C-alpha atoms as a PDB file:
ATOM      1  CA  MET A   1      54.015  -2.081  38.116  1.00  0.00           C
ATOM      2  CA  ASN A   2      55.883  -3.345  35.113  1.00  0.00           C
ATOM      3  CA  LYS A   3      54.576  -3.428  31.556  1.00  0.00           C
ATOM      4  CA  ASP A   4      53.388  -6.952  31.576  1.00  0.00           C
ATOM      5  CA  GLU A   5      51.283  -6.366  34.628  1.00  0.00           C
ATOM      6  CA  ARG A   6      49.762  -3.226  32.996  1.00  0.00           C
ATOM      7  CA  GLU A   7      48.786  -5.178  29.863  1.00  0.00           C
ATOM      8  CA  LYS A   8      47.089  -7.749  31.833  1.00  0.00           C
ATOM      9  CA  ARG A   9      44.956  -5.139  33.794  1.00  0.00           C
ATOM     10  CA  ILE A  10      43.830  -3.390  30.471  1.00  0.00           C
ATOM     11  CA  PHE A  11      40.460  -4.903  29.481  1.00  0.00           C
ATOM     12  CA  PHE A  12      40.413  -3.185  26.019  1.00  0.00           C
ATOM     13  CA  SER A  13      43.241  -1.817  24.108  1.00  0.00           C
ATOM     14  CA  ASN A  14      43.093   1.679  22.599  1.00  0.00           C
ATOM     15  CA  GLU A  15      42.189   0.375  19.096  1.00  0.00           C
ATOM     16  CA  GLU A  16      39.266  -1.653  20.647  1.00  0.00           C
ATOM     17  CA  TRP A  17      37.962   1.394  22.518  1.00  0.00           C
ATOM     18  CA  ASP A  18      38.105   3.320  19.254  1.00  0.00           C
ATOM     19  CA  LYS A  19      36.116   0.631  17.530  1.00  0.00           C
ATOM     20  CA  LEU A  20      33.565   0.437  20.290  1.00  0.00           C
ATOM     21  CA  ALA A  21      33.065   4.280  20.364  1.00  0.00           C
ATOM     22  CA  LEU A  22      32.540   4.330  16.591  1.00  0.00           C
ATOM     23  CA  TYR A  23      30.051   1.506  16.828  1.00  0.00           C
ATOM     24  CA  LEU A  24      28.013   3.268  19.573  1.00  0.00           C
ATOM     25  CA  VAL A  25      28.300   6.854  18.408  1.00  0.00           C
ATOM     26  CA  GLY A  26      29.388   6.751  14.827  1.00  0.00           C
ATOM     27  CA  ASN A  27      27.207   6.718  11.642  1.00  0.00           C
ATOM     28  CA  ASN A  28      26.262   3.160  11.145  1.00  0.00           C
ATOM     29  CA  ALA A  29      23.694   3.419   8.508  1.00  0.00           C
ATOM     30  CA  ARG A  30      23.515   0.104   6.813  1.00  0.00           C
ATOM     31  CA  TYR A  31      21.353  -0.786   3.831  1.00  0.00           C
ATOM     32  CA  ARG A  32      19.325  -3.967   4.416  1.00  0.00           C
ATOM     33  CA  GLU A  33      19.117  -6.228   1.442  1.00  0.00           C
ATOM     34  CA  ASN A  34      16.482  -8.560   2.887  1.00  0.00           C
ATOM     35  CA  ILE A  35      13.651  -6.032   3.038  1.00  0.00           C
ATOM     36  CA  ILE A  36      10.560  -7.738   1.805  1.00  0.00           C
ATOM     37  CA  ILE A  37       8.159  -5.435  -0.229  1.00  0.00           C
ATOM     38  CA  PRO A  38       4.787  -6.996  -1.184  1.00  0.00           C
ATOM     39  CA  ARG A  39       4.254  -7.217  -4.868  1.00  0.00           C
ATOM     40  CA  MET A  40       1.050  -6.231  -6.485  1.00  0.00           C
ATOM     41  CA  MET A  41       0.762  -6.132 -10.314  1.00  0.00           C
ATOM     42  CA  GLY A  42       4.027  -5.450 -12.100  1.00  0.00           C
ATOM     43  CA  PRO A  43       7.498  -4.696 -10.615  1.00  0.00           C
ATOM     44  CA  VAL A  44       8.096  -3.265  -7.172  1.00  0.00           C
ATOM     45  CA  LYS A  45       9.067   0.358  -7.196  1.00  0.00           C
ATOM     46  CA  ILE A  46       9.960   2.305  -4.067  1.00  0.00           C
ATOM     47  CA  LYS A  47       8.478   5.917  -4.322  1.00  0.00           C
ATOM     48  CA  THR A  48      10.718   8.968  -4.071  1.00  0.00           C
ATOM     49  CA  ASN A  49      10.018  11.694  -1.609  1.00  0.00           C
ATOM     50  CA  GLU A  50       8.677  13.859  -4.479  1.00  0.00           C
ATOM     51  CA  GLU A  51       6.242  11.165  -5.511  1.00  0.00           C
ATOM     52  CA  LYS A  52       5.053  10.824  -1.925  1.00  0.00           C
ATOM     53  CA  MET A  53       4.609  14.575  -1.707  1.00  0.00           C
ATOM     54  CA  ILE A  54       2.608  14.672  -4.922  1.00  0.00           C
ATOM     55  CA  GLU A  55       0.436  11.751  -3.863  1.00  0.00           C
ATOM     56  CA  THR A  56      -0.282  13.442  -0.457  1.00  0.00           C
ATOM     57  CA  ALA A  57      -1.298  16.699  -2.256  1.00  0.00           C
ATOM     58  CA  PHE A  58      -3.642  14.829  -4.594  1.00  0.00           C
ATOM     59  CA  GLU A  59      -5.294  12.876  -1.723  1.00  0.00           C
ATOM     60  CA  SER A  60      -5.903  15.946   0.347  1.00  0.00           C
ATOM     61  CA  CYS A  61      -9.397  17.137   1.158  1.00  0.00           C
ATOM     62  CA  GLY A  62      -8.823  20.500  -0.460  1.00  0.00           C
ATOM     63  CA  PHE A  63      -7.509  19.139  -3.780  1.00  0.00           C
ATOM     64  CA  LYS A  64     -10.507  16.599  -3.930  1.00  0.00           C
ATOM     65  CA  THR A  65     -13.089  19.456  -3.103  1.00  0.00           C
ATOM     66  CA  ILE A  66     -11.587  21.851  -5.747  1.00  0.00           C
ATOM     67  CA  MET A  67     -11.457  19.078  -8.361  1.00  0.00           C
ATOM     68  CA  SER A  68     -15.144  18.037  -7.633  1.00  0.00           C
ATOM     69  CA  CYS A  69     -16.142  21.648  -8.060  1.00  0.00           C
ATOM     70  CA  VAL A  70     -14.189  22.210 -11.347  1.00  0.00           C
ATOM     71  CA  LEU A  71     -15.165  18.887 -12.822  1.00  0.00           C
ATOM     72  CA  GLY A  72     -18.783  19.265 -11.863  1.00  0.00           C
ATOM     73  CA  TYR A  73     -18.969  22.534 -13.557  1.00  0.00           C
ATOM     74  CA  ARG A  74     -17.234  21.231 -16.712  1.00  0.00           C
ATOM     75  CA  VAL A  75     -19.429  18.154 -16.901  1.00  0.00           C
ATOM     76  CA  VAL A  76     -22.564  20.138 -16.909  1.00  0.00           C
ATOM     77  CA  CYS A  77     -21.226  22.749 -19.406  1.00  0.00           C
ATOM     78  CA  MET A  78     -20.042  20.054 -21.757  1.00  0.00           C
ATOM     79  CA  SER A  79     -23.332  18.047 -21.551  1.00  0.00           C
ATOM     80  CA  LYS A  80     -25.867  18.450 -24.352  1.00  0.00           C
ATOM     81  CA  THR A  81     -28.716  17.270 -22.204  1.00  0.00           C
ATOM     82  CA  TYR A  82     -29.084  20.707 -20.512  1.00  0.00           C
ATOM     83  CA  GLU A  83     -28.795  22.410 -23.823  1.00  0.00           C
ATOM     84  CA  ILE A  84     -31.593  20.358 -25.252  1.00  0.00           C
ATOM     85  CA  ALA A  85     -33.714  20.812 -22.043  1.00  0.00           C
ATOM     86  CA  ALA A  86     -33.252  24.613 -22.301  1.00  0.00           C
ATOM     87  CA  SER A  87     -34.225  24.770 -25.933  1.00  0.00           C
ATOM     88  CA  VAL A  88     -37.234  22.515 -25.581  1.00  0.00           C
ATOM     89  CA  ASN A  89     -38.744  24.576 -22.830  1.00  0.00           C
ATOM     90  CA  PRO A  90     -37.579  28.196 -23.374  1.00  0.00           C
ATOM     91  CA  THR A  91     -38.513  30.724 -20.593  1.00  0.00           C
ATOM     92  CA  VAL A  92     -37.989  33.654 -22.985  1.00  0.00           C
ATOM     93  CA  PRO A  93     -41.207  35.593 -22.924  1.00  0.00           C
ATOM     94  CA  LEU A  94     -43.011  34.970 -26.264  1.00  0.00           C
ATOM     95  CA  ALA A  95     -45.271  37.503 -28.033  1.00  0.00           C
ATOM     96  CA  THR A  96     -48.258  35.909 -29.478  1.00  0.00           C
ATOM     97  CA  ASP A  97     -47.123  36.174 -33.131  1.00  0.00           C
ATOM     98  CA  LYS A  98     -43.315  36.491 -32.790  1.00  0.00           C
ATOM     99  CA  GLN A  99     -40.977  33.509 -33.008  1.00  0.00           C
ATOM    100  CA  PRO A 100     -37.947  33.870 -30.703  1.00  0.00           C
ATOM    101  CA  SER A 101     -34.662  34.368 -32.599  1.00  0.00           C
ATOM    102  CA  ALA A 102     -31.827  31.988 -32.396  1.00  0.00           C
ATOM    103  CA  ARG A 103     -29.936  34.466 -30.435  1.00  0.00           C
ATOM    104  CA  GLU A 104     -32.559  34.712 -27.729  1.00  0.00           C
ATOM    105  CA  VAL A 105     -32.823  31.098 -27.470  1.00  0.00           C
ATOM    106  CA  LEU A 106     -29.057  30.545 -27.209  1.00  0.00           C
ATOM    107  CA  ARG A 107     -28.781  33.253 -24.592  1.00  0.00           C
ATOM    108  CA  GLU A 108     -31.479  31.659 -22.558  1.00  0.00           C
ATOM    109  CA  MET A 109     -29.908  28.199 -23.044  1.00  0.00           C
ATOM    110  CA  LYS A 110     -26.530  29.630 -21.883  1.00  0.00           C
ATOM    111  CA  GLY A 111     -28.036  31.078 -18.649  1.00  0.00           C
ATOM    112  CA  THR A 112     -29.911  27.934 -17.851  1.00  0.00           C
ATOM    113  CA  MET A 113     -26.717  25.725 -18.516  1.00  0.00           C
ATOM    114  CA  LEU A 114     -24.536  28.038 -16.337  1.00  0.00           C
ATOM    115  CA  SER A 115     -27.140  28.019 -13.552  1.00  0.00           C
ATOM    116  CA  TYR A 116     -27.241  24.186 -13.581  1.00  0.00           C
ATOM    117  CA  ALA A 117     -23.370  23.936 -13.727  1.00  0.00           C
ATOM    118  CA  LYS A 118     -22.998  26.271 -10.912  1.00  0.00           C
ATOM    119  CA  ASN A 119     -25.431  24.300  -8.742  1.00  0.00           C
ATOM    120  CA  PHE A 120     -23.872  20.917  -9.693  1.00  0.00           C
ATOM    121  CA  ALA A 121     -20.454  22.212  -9.035  1.00  0.00           C
ATOM    122  CA  ILE A 122     -21.521  23.459  -5.499  1.00  0.00           C
ATOM    123  CA  ILE A 123     -23.139  20.168  -4.700  1.00  0.00           C
ATOM    124  CA  GLY A 124     -20.100  18.232  -5.858  1.00  0.00           C
ATOM    125  CA  ALA A 125     -17.791  20.398  -3.778  1.00  0.00           C
ATOM    126  CA  VAL A 126     -19.995  20.112  -0.663  1.00  0.00           C
ATOM    127  CA  PHE A 127     -20.225  16.346  -1.009  1.00  0.00           C
ATOM    128  CA  SER A 128     -16.531  15.915  -1.660  1.00  0.00           C
ATOM    129  CA  ALA A 129     -15.525  17.972   1.319  1.00  0.00           C
ATOM    130  CA  VAL A 130     -18.046  16.353   3.663  1.00  0.00           C
ATOM    131  CA  GLU A 131     -17.065  12.744   2.556  1.00  0.00           C
ATOM    132  CA  CYS A 132     -13.298  13.517   2.866  1.00  0.00           C
ATOM    133  CA  THR A 133     -13.824  15.060   6.322  1.00  0.00           C
ATOM    134  CA  VAL A 134     -15.971  12.061   7.367  1.00  0.00           C
ATOM    135  CA  GLU A 135     -13.247   9.621   5.918  1.00  0.00           C
ATOM    136  CA  SER A 136     -10.532  11.404   7.854  1.00  0.00           C
ATOM    137  CA  TYR A 137     -12.471  11.557  11.063  1.00  0.00           C
ATOM    138  CA  ARG A 138     -13.499   7.815  10.873  1.00  0.00           C
ATOM    139  CA  GLY A 139     -10.089   6.657   9.740  1.00  0.00           C
ATOM    140  CA  LYS A 140     -11.659   4.208   7.270  1.00  0.00           C
ATOM    141  CA  THR A 141     -12.523   4.024   3.539  1.00  0.00           C
ATOM    142  CA  ASP A 142     -15.851   2.221   3.107  1.00  0.00           C
ATOM    143  CA  TRP A 143     -19.340   2.608   1.822  1.00  0.00           C
ATOM    144  CA  LYS A 144     -20.497   4.339   4.930  1.00  0.00           C
ATOM    145  CA  ASN A 145     -18.491   7.561   4.262  1.00  0.00           C
ATOM    146  CA  GLY A 146     -20.486   8.222   1.143  1.00  0.00           C
ATOM    147  CA  THR A 147     -23.706   7.497   2.890  1.00  0.00           C
ATOM    148  CA  TYR A 148     -22.909   9.848   5.796  1.00  0.00           C
ATOM    149  CA  ALA A 149     -21.658  12.476   3.341  1.00  0.00           C
ATOM    150  CA  GLY A 150     -24.878  12.135   1.287  1.00  0.00           C
ATOM    151  CA  GLY A 151     -27.023  12.539   4.337  1.00  0.00           C
ATOM    152  CA  ILE A 152     -25.235  15.621   5.434  1.00  0.00           C
ATOM    153  CA  THR A 153     -25.095  17.085   2.017  1.00  0.00           C
ATOM    154  CA  GLY A 154     -28.761  16.378   1.165  1.00  0.00           C
ATOM    155  CA  GLY A 155     -29.805  17.712   4.595  1.00  0.00           C
ATOM    156  CA  LEU A 156     -27.934  20.990   4.016  1.00  0.00           C
ATOM    157  CA  ILE A 157     -29.496  21.312   0.515  1.00  0.00           C
ATOM    158  CA  GLY A 158     -32.973  20.523   1.720  1.00  0.00           C
ATOM    159  CA  LEU A 159     -32.679  22.722   4.841  1.00  0.00           C
ATOM    160  CA  ARG A 160     -33.125  25.795   2.712  1.00  0.00           C
ATOM    161  CA  ALA A 161     -36.771  24.761   2.211  1.00  0.00           C
ATOM    162  CA  GLY A 162     -37.425  23.790   5.877  1.00  0.00           C
ATOM    163  CA  ILE A 163     -36.729  20.958   8.232  1.00  0.00           C
ATOM    164  CA  LYS A 164     -39.075  18.457   6.676  1.00  0.00           C
ATOM    165  CA  ALA A 165     -37.303  19.001   3.214  1.00  0.00           C
ATOM    166  CA  GLY A 166     -33.989  18.756   4.990  1.00  0.00           C
ATOM    167  CA  ILE A 167     -34.928  15.347   6.418  1.00  0.00           C
ATOM    168  CA  PHE A 168     -36.155  14.086   3.062  1.00  0.00           C
ATOM    169  CA  GLY A 169     -33.097  15.551   1.240  1.00  0.00           C
ATOM    170  CA  ALA A 170     -30.833  13.839   3.637  1.00  0.00           C
ATOM    171  CA  ALA A 171     -32.551  10.470   3.397  1.00  0.00           C
ATOM    172  CA  GLY A 172     -32.833  10.654  -0.488  1.00  0.00           C
ATOM    173  CA  PHE A 173     -29.161  11.760  -0.947  1.00  0.00           C
ATOM    174  CA  ALA A 174     -27.913   9.186   1.499  1.00  0.00           C
ATOM    175  CA  ALA A 175     -29.889   6.479  -0.383  1.00  0.00           C
ATOM    176  CA  PHE A 176     -28.484   7.631  -3.685  1.00  0.00           C
ATOM    177  CA  SER A 177     -24.906   7.928  -2.520  1.00  0.00           C
ATOM    178  CA  THR A 178     -25.218   4.311  -1.086  1.00  0.00           C
ATOM    179  CA  ALA A 179     -26.621   3.080  -4.363  1.00  0.00           C
ATOM    180  CA  ILE A 180     -23.892   4.704  -6.343  1.00  0.00           C
ATOM    181  CA  ASP A 181     -21.158   3.382  -4.011  1.00  0.00           C
ATOM    182  CA  TYR A 182     -22.628  -0.184  -4.282  1.00  0.00           C
ATOM    183  CA  PHE A 183     -22.763   0.112  -8.080  1.00  0.00           C
ATOM    184  CA  MET A 184     -19.221   1.444  -8.417  1.00  0.00           C
ATOM    185  CA  HIS A 185     -17.633  -1.031  -5.957  1.00  0.00           C
ATOM    186  CA  SER A 186     -19.531  -4.084  -7.295  1.00  0.00           C
ATOM    187  CA  HIS A 187     -18.341  -3.675 -10.924  1.00  0.00           C
END
Protein backbone atom coordinates (compact mmCIF):
# COMPACT_ATOMS: atom_id res chain seq x y z
CA MET A 1 0.00 0.00 0.00
CA ASN A 2 1.41 3.30 -0.95
CA LYS A 3 0.90 6.66 0.68
CA ASP A 4 -1.89 7.83 -1.65
CA GLU A 5 -3.95 4.70 -1.01
CA ARG A 6 -3.56 5.09 2.76
CA GLU A 7 -4.72 8.71 2.64
CA LYS A 8 -7.82 7.70 0.68
CA ARG A 9 -8.73 5.04 3.26
CA ILE A 10 -8.50 7.40 6.27
CA PHE A 11 -11.90 8.82 7.01
CA PHE A 12 -10.69 11.48 9.48
CA SER A 13 -7.27 12.96 9.85
CA ASN A 14 -5.57 13.08 13.25
CA GLU A 15 -6.47 16.73 13.70
CA GLU A 16 -10.13 15.98 12.97
CA TRP A 17 -10.14 13.11 15.49
CA ASP A 18 -8.71 15.46 18.10
CA LYS A 19 -11.39 18.06 17.42
CA LEU A 20 -14.11 15.38 17.58
CA ALA A 21 -12.76 14.03 20.89
CA LEU A 22 -12.61 17.51 22.40
CA TYR A 23 -16.15 18.22 21.19
CA LEU A 24 -17.57 15.01 22.69
CA VAL A 25 -15.53 14.82 25.89
CA GLY A 26 -14.12 18.28 26.51
CA ASN A 27 -15.52 21.19 28.44
CA ASN A 28 -17.91 22.96 26.12
CA ALA A 29 -19.58 25.33 28.53
CA ARG A 30 -21.04 28.03 26.36
CA TYR A 31 -22.88 31.03 27.62
CA ARG A 32 -26.13 31.59 25.85
CA GLU A 33 -26.89 35.12 24.91
CA ASN A 34 -30.46 34.48 23.88
CA ILE A 35 -31.89 33.51 27.31
CA ILE A 36 -35.25 35.16 27.85
CA ILE A 37 -35.95 36.24 31.43
CA PRO A 38 -39.45 37.57 32.03
CA ARG A 39 -39.47 41.13 33.34
CA MET A 40 -41.57 42.28 36.21
CA MET A 41 -41.22 45.75 37.60
CA GLY A 42 -37.74 47.17 37.21
CA PRO A 43 -34.61 45.73 35.65
CA VAL A 44 -33.92 42.01 35.36
CA LYS A 45 -31.41 40.76 37.92
CA ILE A 46 -30.25 37.17 38.16
CA LYS A 47 -29.89 36.08 41.79
CA THR A 48 -26.58 34.85 43.11
CA ASN A 49 -26.26 31.58 45.02
CA GLU A 50 -25.99 33.49 48.30
CA GLU A 51 -29.22 35.37 47.60
CA LYS A 52 -30.98 32.11 46.75
CA MET A 53 -29.68 30.54 49.99
CA ILE A 54 -30.89 33.47 52.12
CA GLU A 55 -34.27 33.46 50.37
CA THR A 56 -34.62 29.73 51.02
CA ALA A 57 -33.82 30.24 54.71
CA PHE A 58 -36.34 33.07 55.05
CA GLU A 59 -39.06 31.00 53.36
CA SER A 60 -38.49 27.92 55.52
CA CYS A 61 -41.15 26.76 57.95
CA GLY A 62 -38.82 27.02 60.93
CA PHE A 63 -37.96 30.65 60.26
CA LYS A 64 -41.61 31.59 59.71
CA THR A 65 -42.62 29.86 62.95
CA ILE A 66 -39.91 31.52 65.03
CA MET A 67 -40.64 34.94 63.55
CA SER A 68 -44.38 34.55 64.21
CA CYS A 69 -43.64 33.65 67.81
CA VAL A 70 -41.21 36.52 68.38
CA LEU A 71 -43.29 39.13 66.58
CA GLY A 72 -46.49 37.98 68.26
CA TYR A 73 -44.85 38.42 71.64
CA ARG A 74 -43.44 41.83 70.70
CA VAL A 75 -46.72 43.13 69.26
CA VAL A 76 -48.62 42.37 72.45
CA CYS A 77 -45.85 43.71 74.69
CA MET A 78 -45.75 46.95 72.73
CA SER A 79 -49.51 47.32 72.56
CA LYS A 80 -51.06 49.80 74.93
CA THR A 81 -54.45 48.09 74.73
CA TYR A 82 -53.47 45.36 77.14
CA GLU A 83 -51.94 47.84 79.55
CA ILE A 84 -55.14 49.85 79.59
CA ALA A 85 -57.25 46.72 80.00
CA ALA A 86 -55.13 45.59 82.92
CA SER A 87 -55.26 48.97 84.65
CA VAL A 88 -59.01 49.39 84.24
CA ASN A 89 -59.80 46.02 85.74
CA PRO A 90 -57.04 45.23 88.24
CA THR A 91 -57.06 41.84 89.90
CA VAL A 92 -55.00 42.99 92.88
CA PRO A 93 -57.00 42.21 96.02
CA LEU A 94 -58.22 45.49 97.39
CA ALA A 95 -58.80 46.26 101.02
CA THR A 96 -61.97 48.15 101.72
CA ASP A 97 -60.30 51.46 102.51
CA LYS A 98 -56.89 51.07 100.85
CA GLN A 99 -56.15 52.33 97.34
CA PRO A 100 -53.66 50.13 95.35
CA SER A 101 -50.28 51.75 94.87
CA ALA A 102 -48.91 52.53 91.44
CA ARG A 103 -46.29 49.82 91.89
CA GLU A 104 -48.97 47.18 92.57
CA VAL A 105 -51.00 48.24 89.56
CA LEU A 106 -47.91 48.26 87.28
CA ARG A 107 -46.78 44.86 88.56
CA GLU A 108 -50.24 43.41 87.89
CA MET A 109 -50.32 45.11 84.49
CA LYS A 110 -46.95 43.59 83.60
CA GLY A 111 -48.08 40.11 84.60
CA THR A 112 -51.26 40.38 82.55
CA MET A 113 -49.43 41.78 79.54
CA LEU A 114 -46.77 39.04 79.62
CA SER A 115 -49.45 36.37 79.95
CA TYR A 116 -51.32 37.73 76.92
CA ALA A 117 -48.06 38.08 75.00
CA LYS A 118 -47.06 34.48 75.72
CA ASN A 119 -50.45 33.16 74.63
CA PHE A 120 -50.45 35.27 71.47
CA ALA A 121 -46.91 34.14 70.62
CA ILE A 122 -47.83 30.46 71.04
CA ILE A 123 -50.96 30.84 68.90
CA GLY A 124 -48.98 32.67 66.20
CA ALA A 125 -46.25 30.03 66.19
CA VAL A 126 -48.72 27.13 66.02
CA PHE A 127 -50.73 28.79 63.25
CA SER A 128 -47.62 29.63 61.24
CA ALA A 129 -46.16 26.13 61.60
CA VAL A 130 -49.44 24.47 60.63
CA GLU A 131 -50.01 26.82 57.69
CA CYS A 132 -46.49 26.27 56.35
CA THR A 133 -46.85 22.50 56.75
CA VAL A 134 -50.21 22.51 54.96
CA GLU A 135 -48.79 24.69 52.18
CA SER A 136 -45.79 22.37 51.78
CA TYR A 137 -48.04 19.30 51.72
CA ARG A 138 -50.51 20.76 49.24
CA GLY A 139 -47.87 22.41 47.06
CA LYS A 140 -50.09 25.47 46.54
CA THR A 141 -50.32 28.95 47.96
CA ASP A 142 -53.95 29.99 48.20
CA TRP A 143 -56.65 30.93 50.71
CA LYS A 144 -57.36 27.31 51.64
CA ASN A 145 -54.03 26.97 53.46
CA GLY A 146 -55.01 29.65 56.00
CA THR A 147 -58.45 28.15 56.40
CA TYR A 148 -57.09 24.66 57.06
CA ALA A 149 -54.41 26.04 59.39
CA GLY A 150 -57.01 28.11 61.25
CA GLY A 151 -59.23 25.07 61.66
CA ILE A 152 -56.40 22.91 62.98
CA THR A 153 -55.06 25.65 65.29
CA GLY A 154 -58.50 26.56 66.63
CA GLY A 155 -59.28 22.89 67.16
CA LEU A 156 -56.06 22.35 69.09
CA ILE A 157 -56.69 25.41 71.26
CA GLY A 158 -60.32 24.52 71.93
CA LEU A 159 -59.58 20.85 72.54
CA ARG A 160 -58.20 21.73 75.98
CA ALA A 161 -61.78 22.53 77.04
CA GLY A 162 -63.35 19.48 75.41
CA ILE A 163 -64.41 18.12 72.03
CA LYS A 164 -67.34 20.50 71.62
CA ALA A 165 -65.12 23.51 72.34
CA GLY A 166 -62.53 22.10 69.93
CA ILE A 167 -65.09 21.92 67.12
CA PHE A 168 -66.33 25.46 67.80
CA GLY A 169 -62.75 26.70 68.08
CA ALA A 170 -61.83 25.06 64.76
CA ALA A 171 -64.85 26.54 62.99
CA GLY A 172 -64.35 30.01 64.48
CA PHE A 173 -60.61 30.19 63.84
CA ALA A 174 -61.06 28.83 60.29
CA ALA A 175 -63.72 31.46 59.55
CA PHE A 176 -61.53 34.20 61.02
CA SER A 177 -58.50 33.05 59.00
CA THR A 178 -60.55 32.95 55.81
CA ALA A 179 -61.90 36.45 56.43
CA ILE A 180 -58.41 37.81 57.12
CA ASP A 181 -57.02 36.13 53.98
CA TYR A 182 -59.88 37.53 51.91
CA PHE A 183 -59.33 41.02 53.31
CA MET A 184 -55.54 40.94 52.84
CA HIS A 185 -55.71 39.59 49.27
CA SER A 186 -58.52 41.85 48.09
CA HIS A 187 -56.71 45.07 49.03
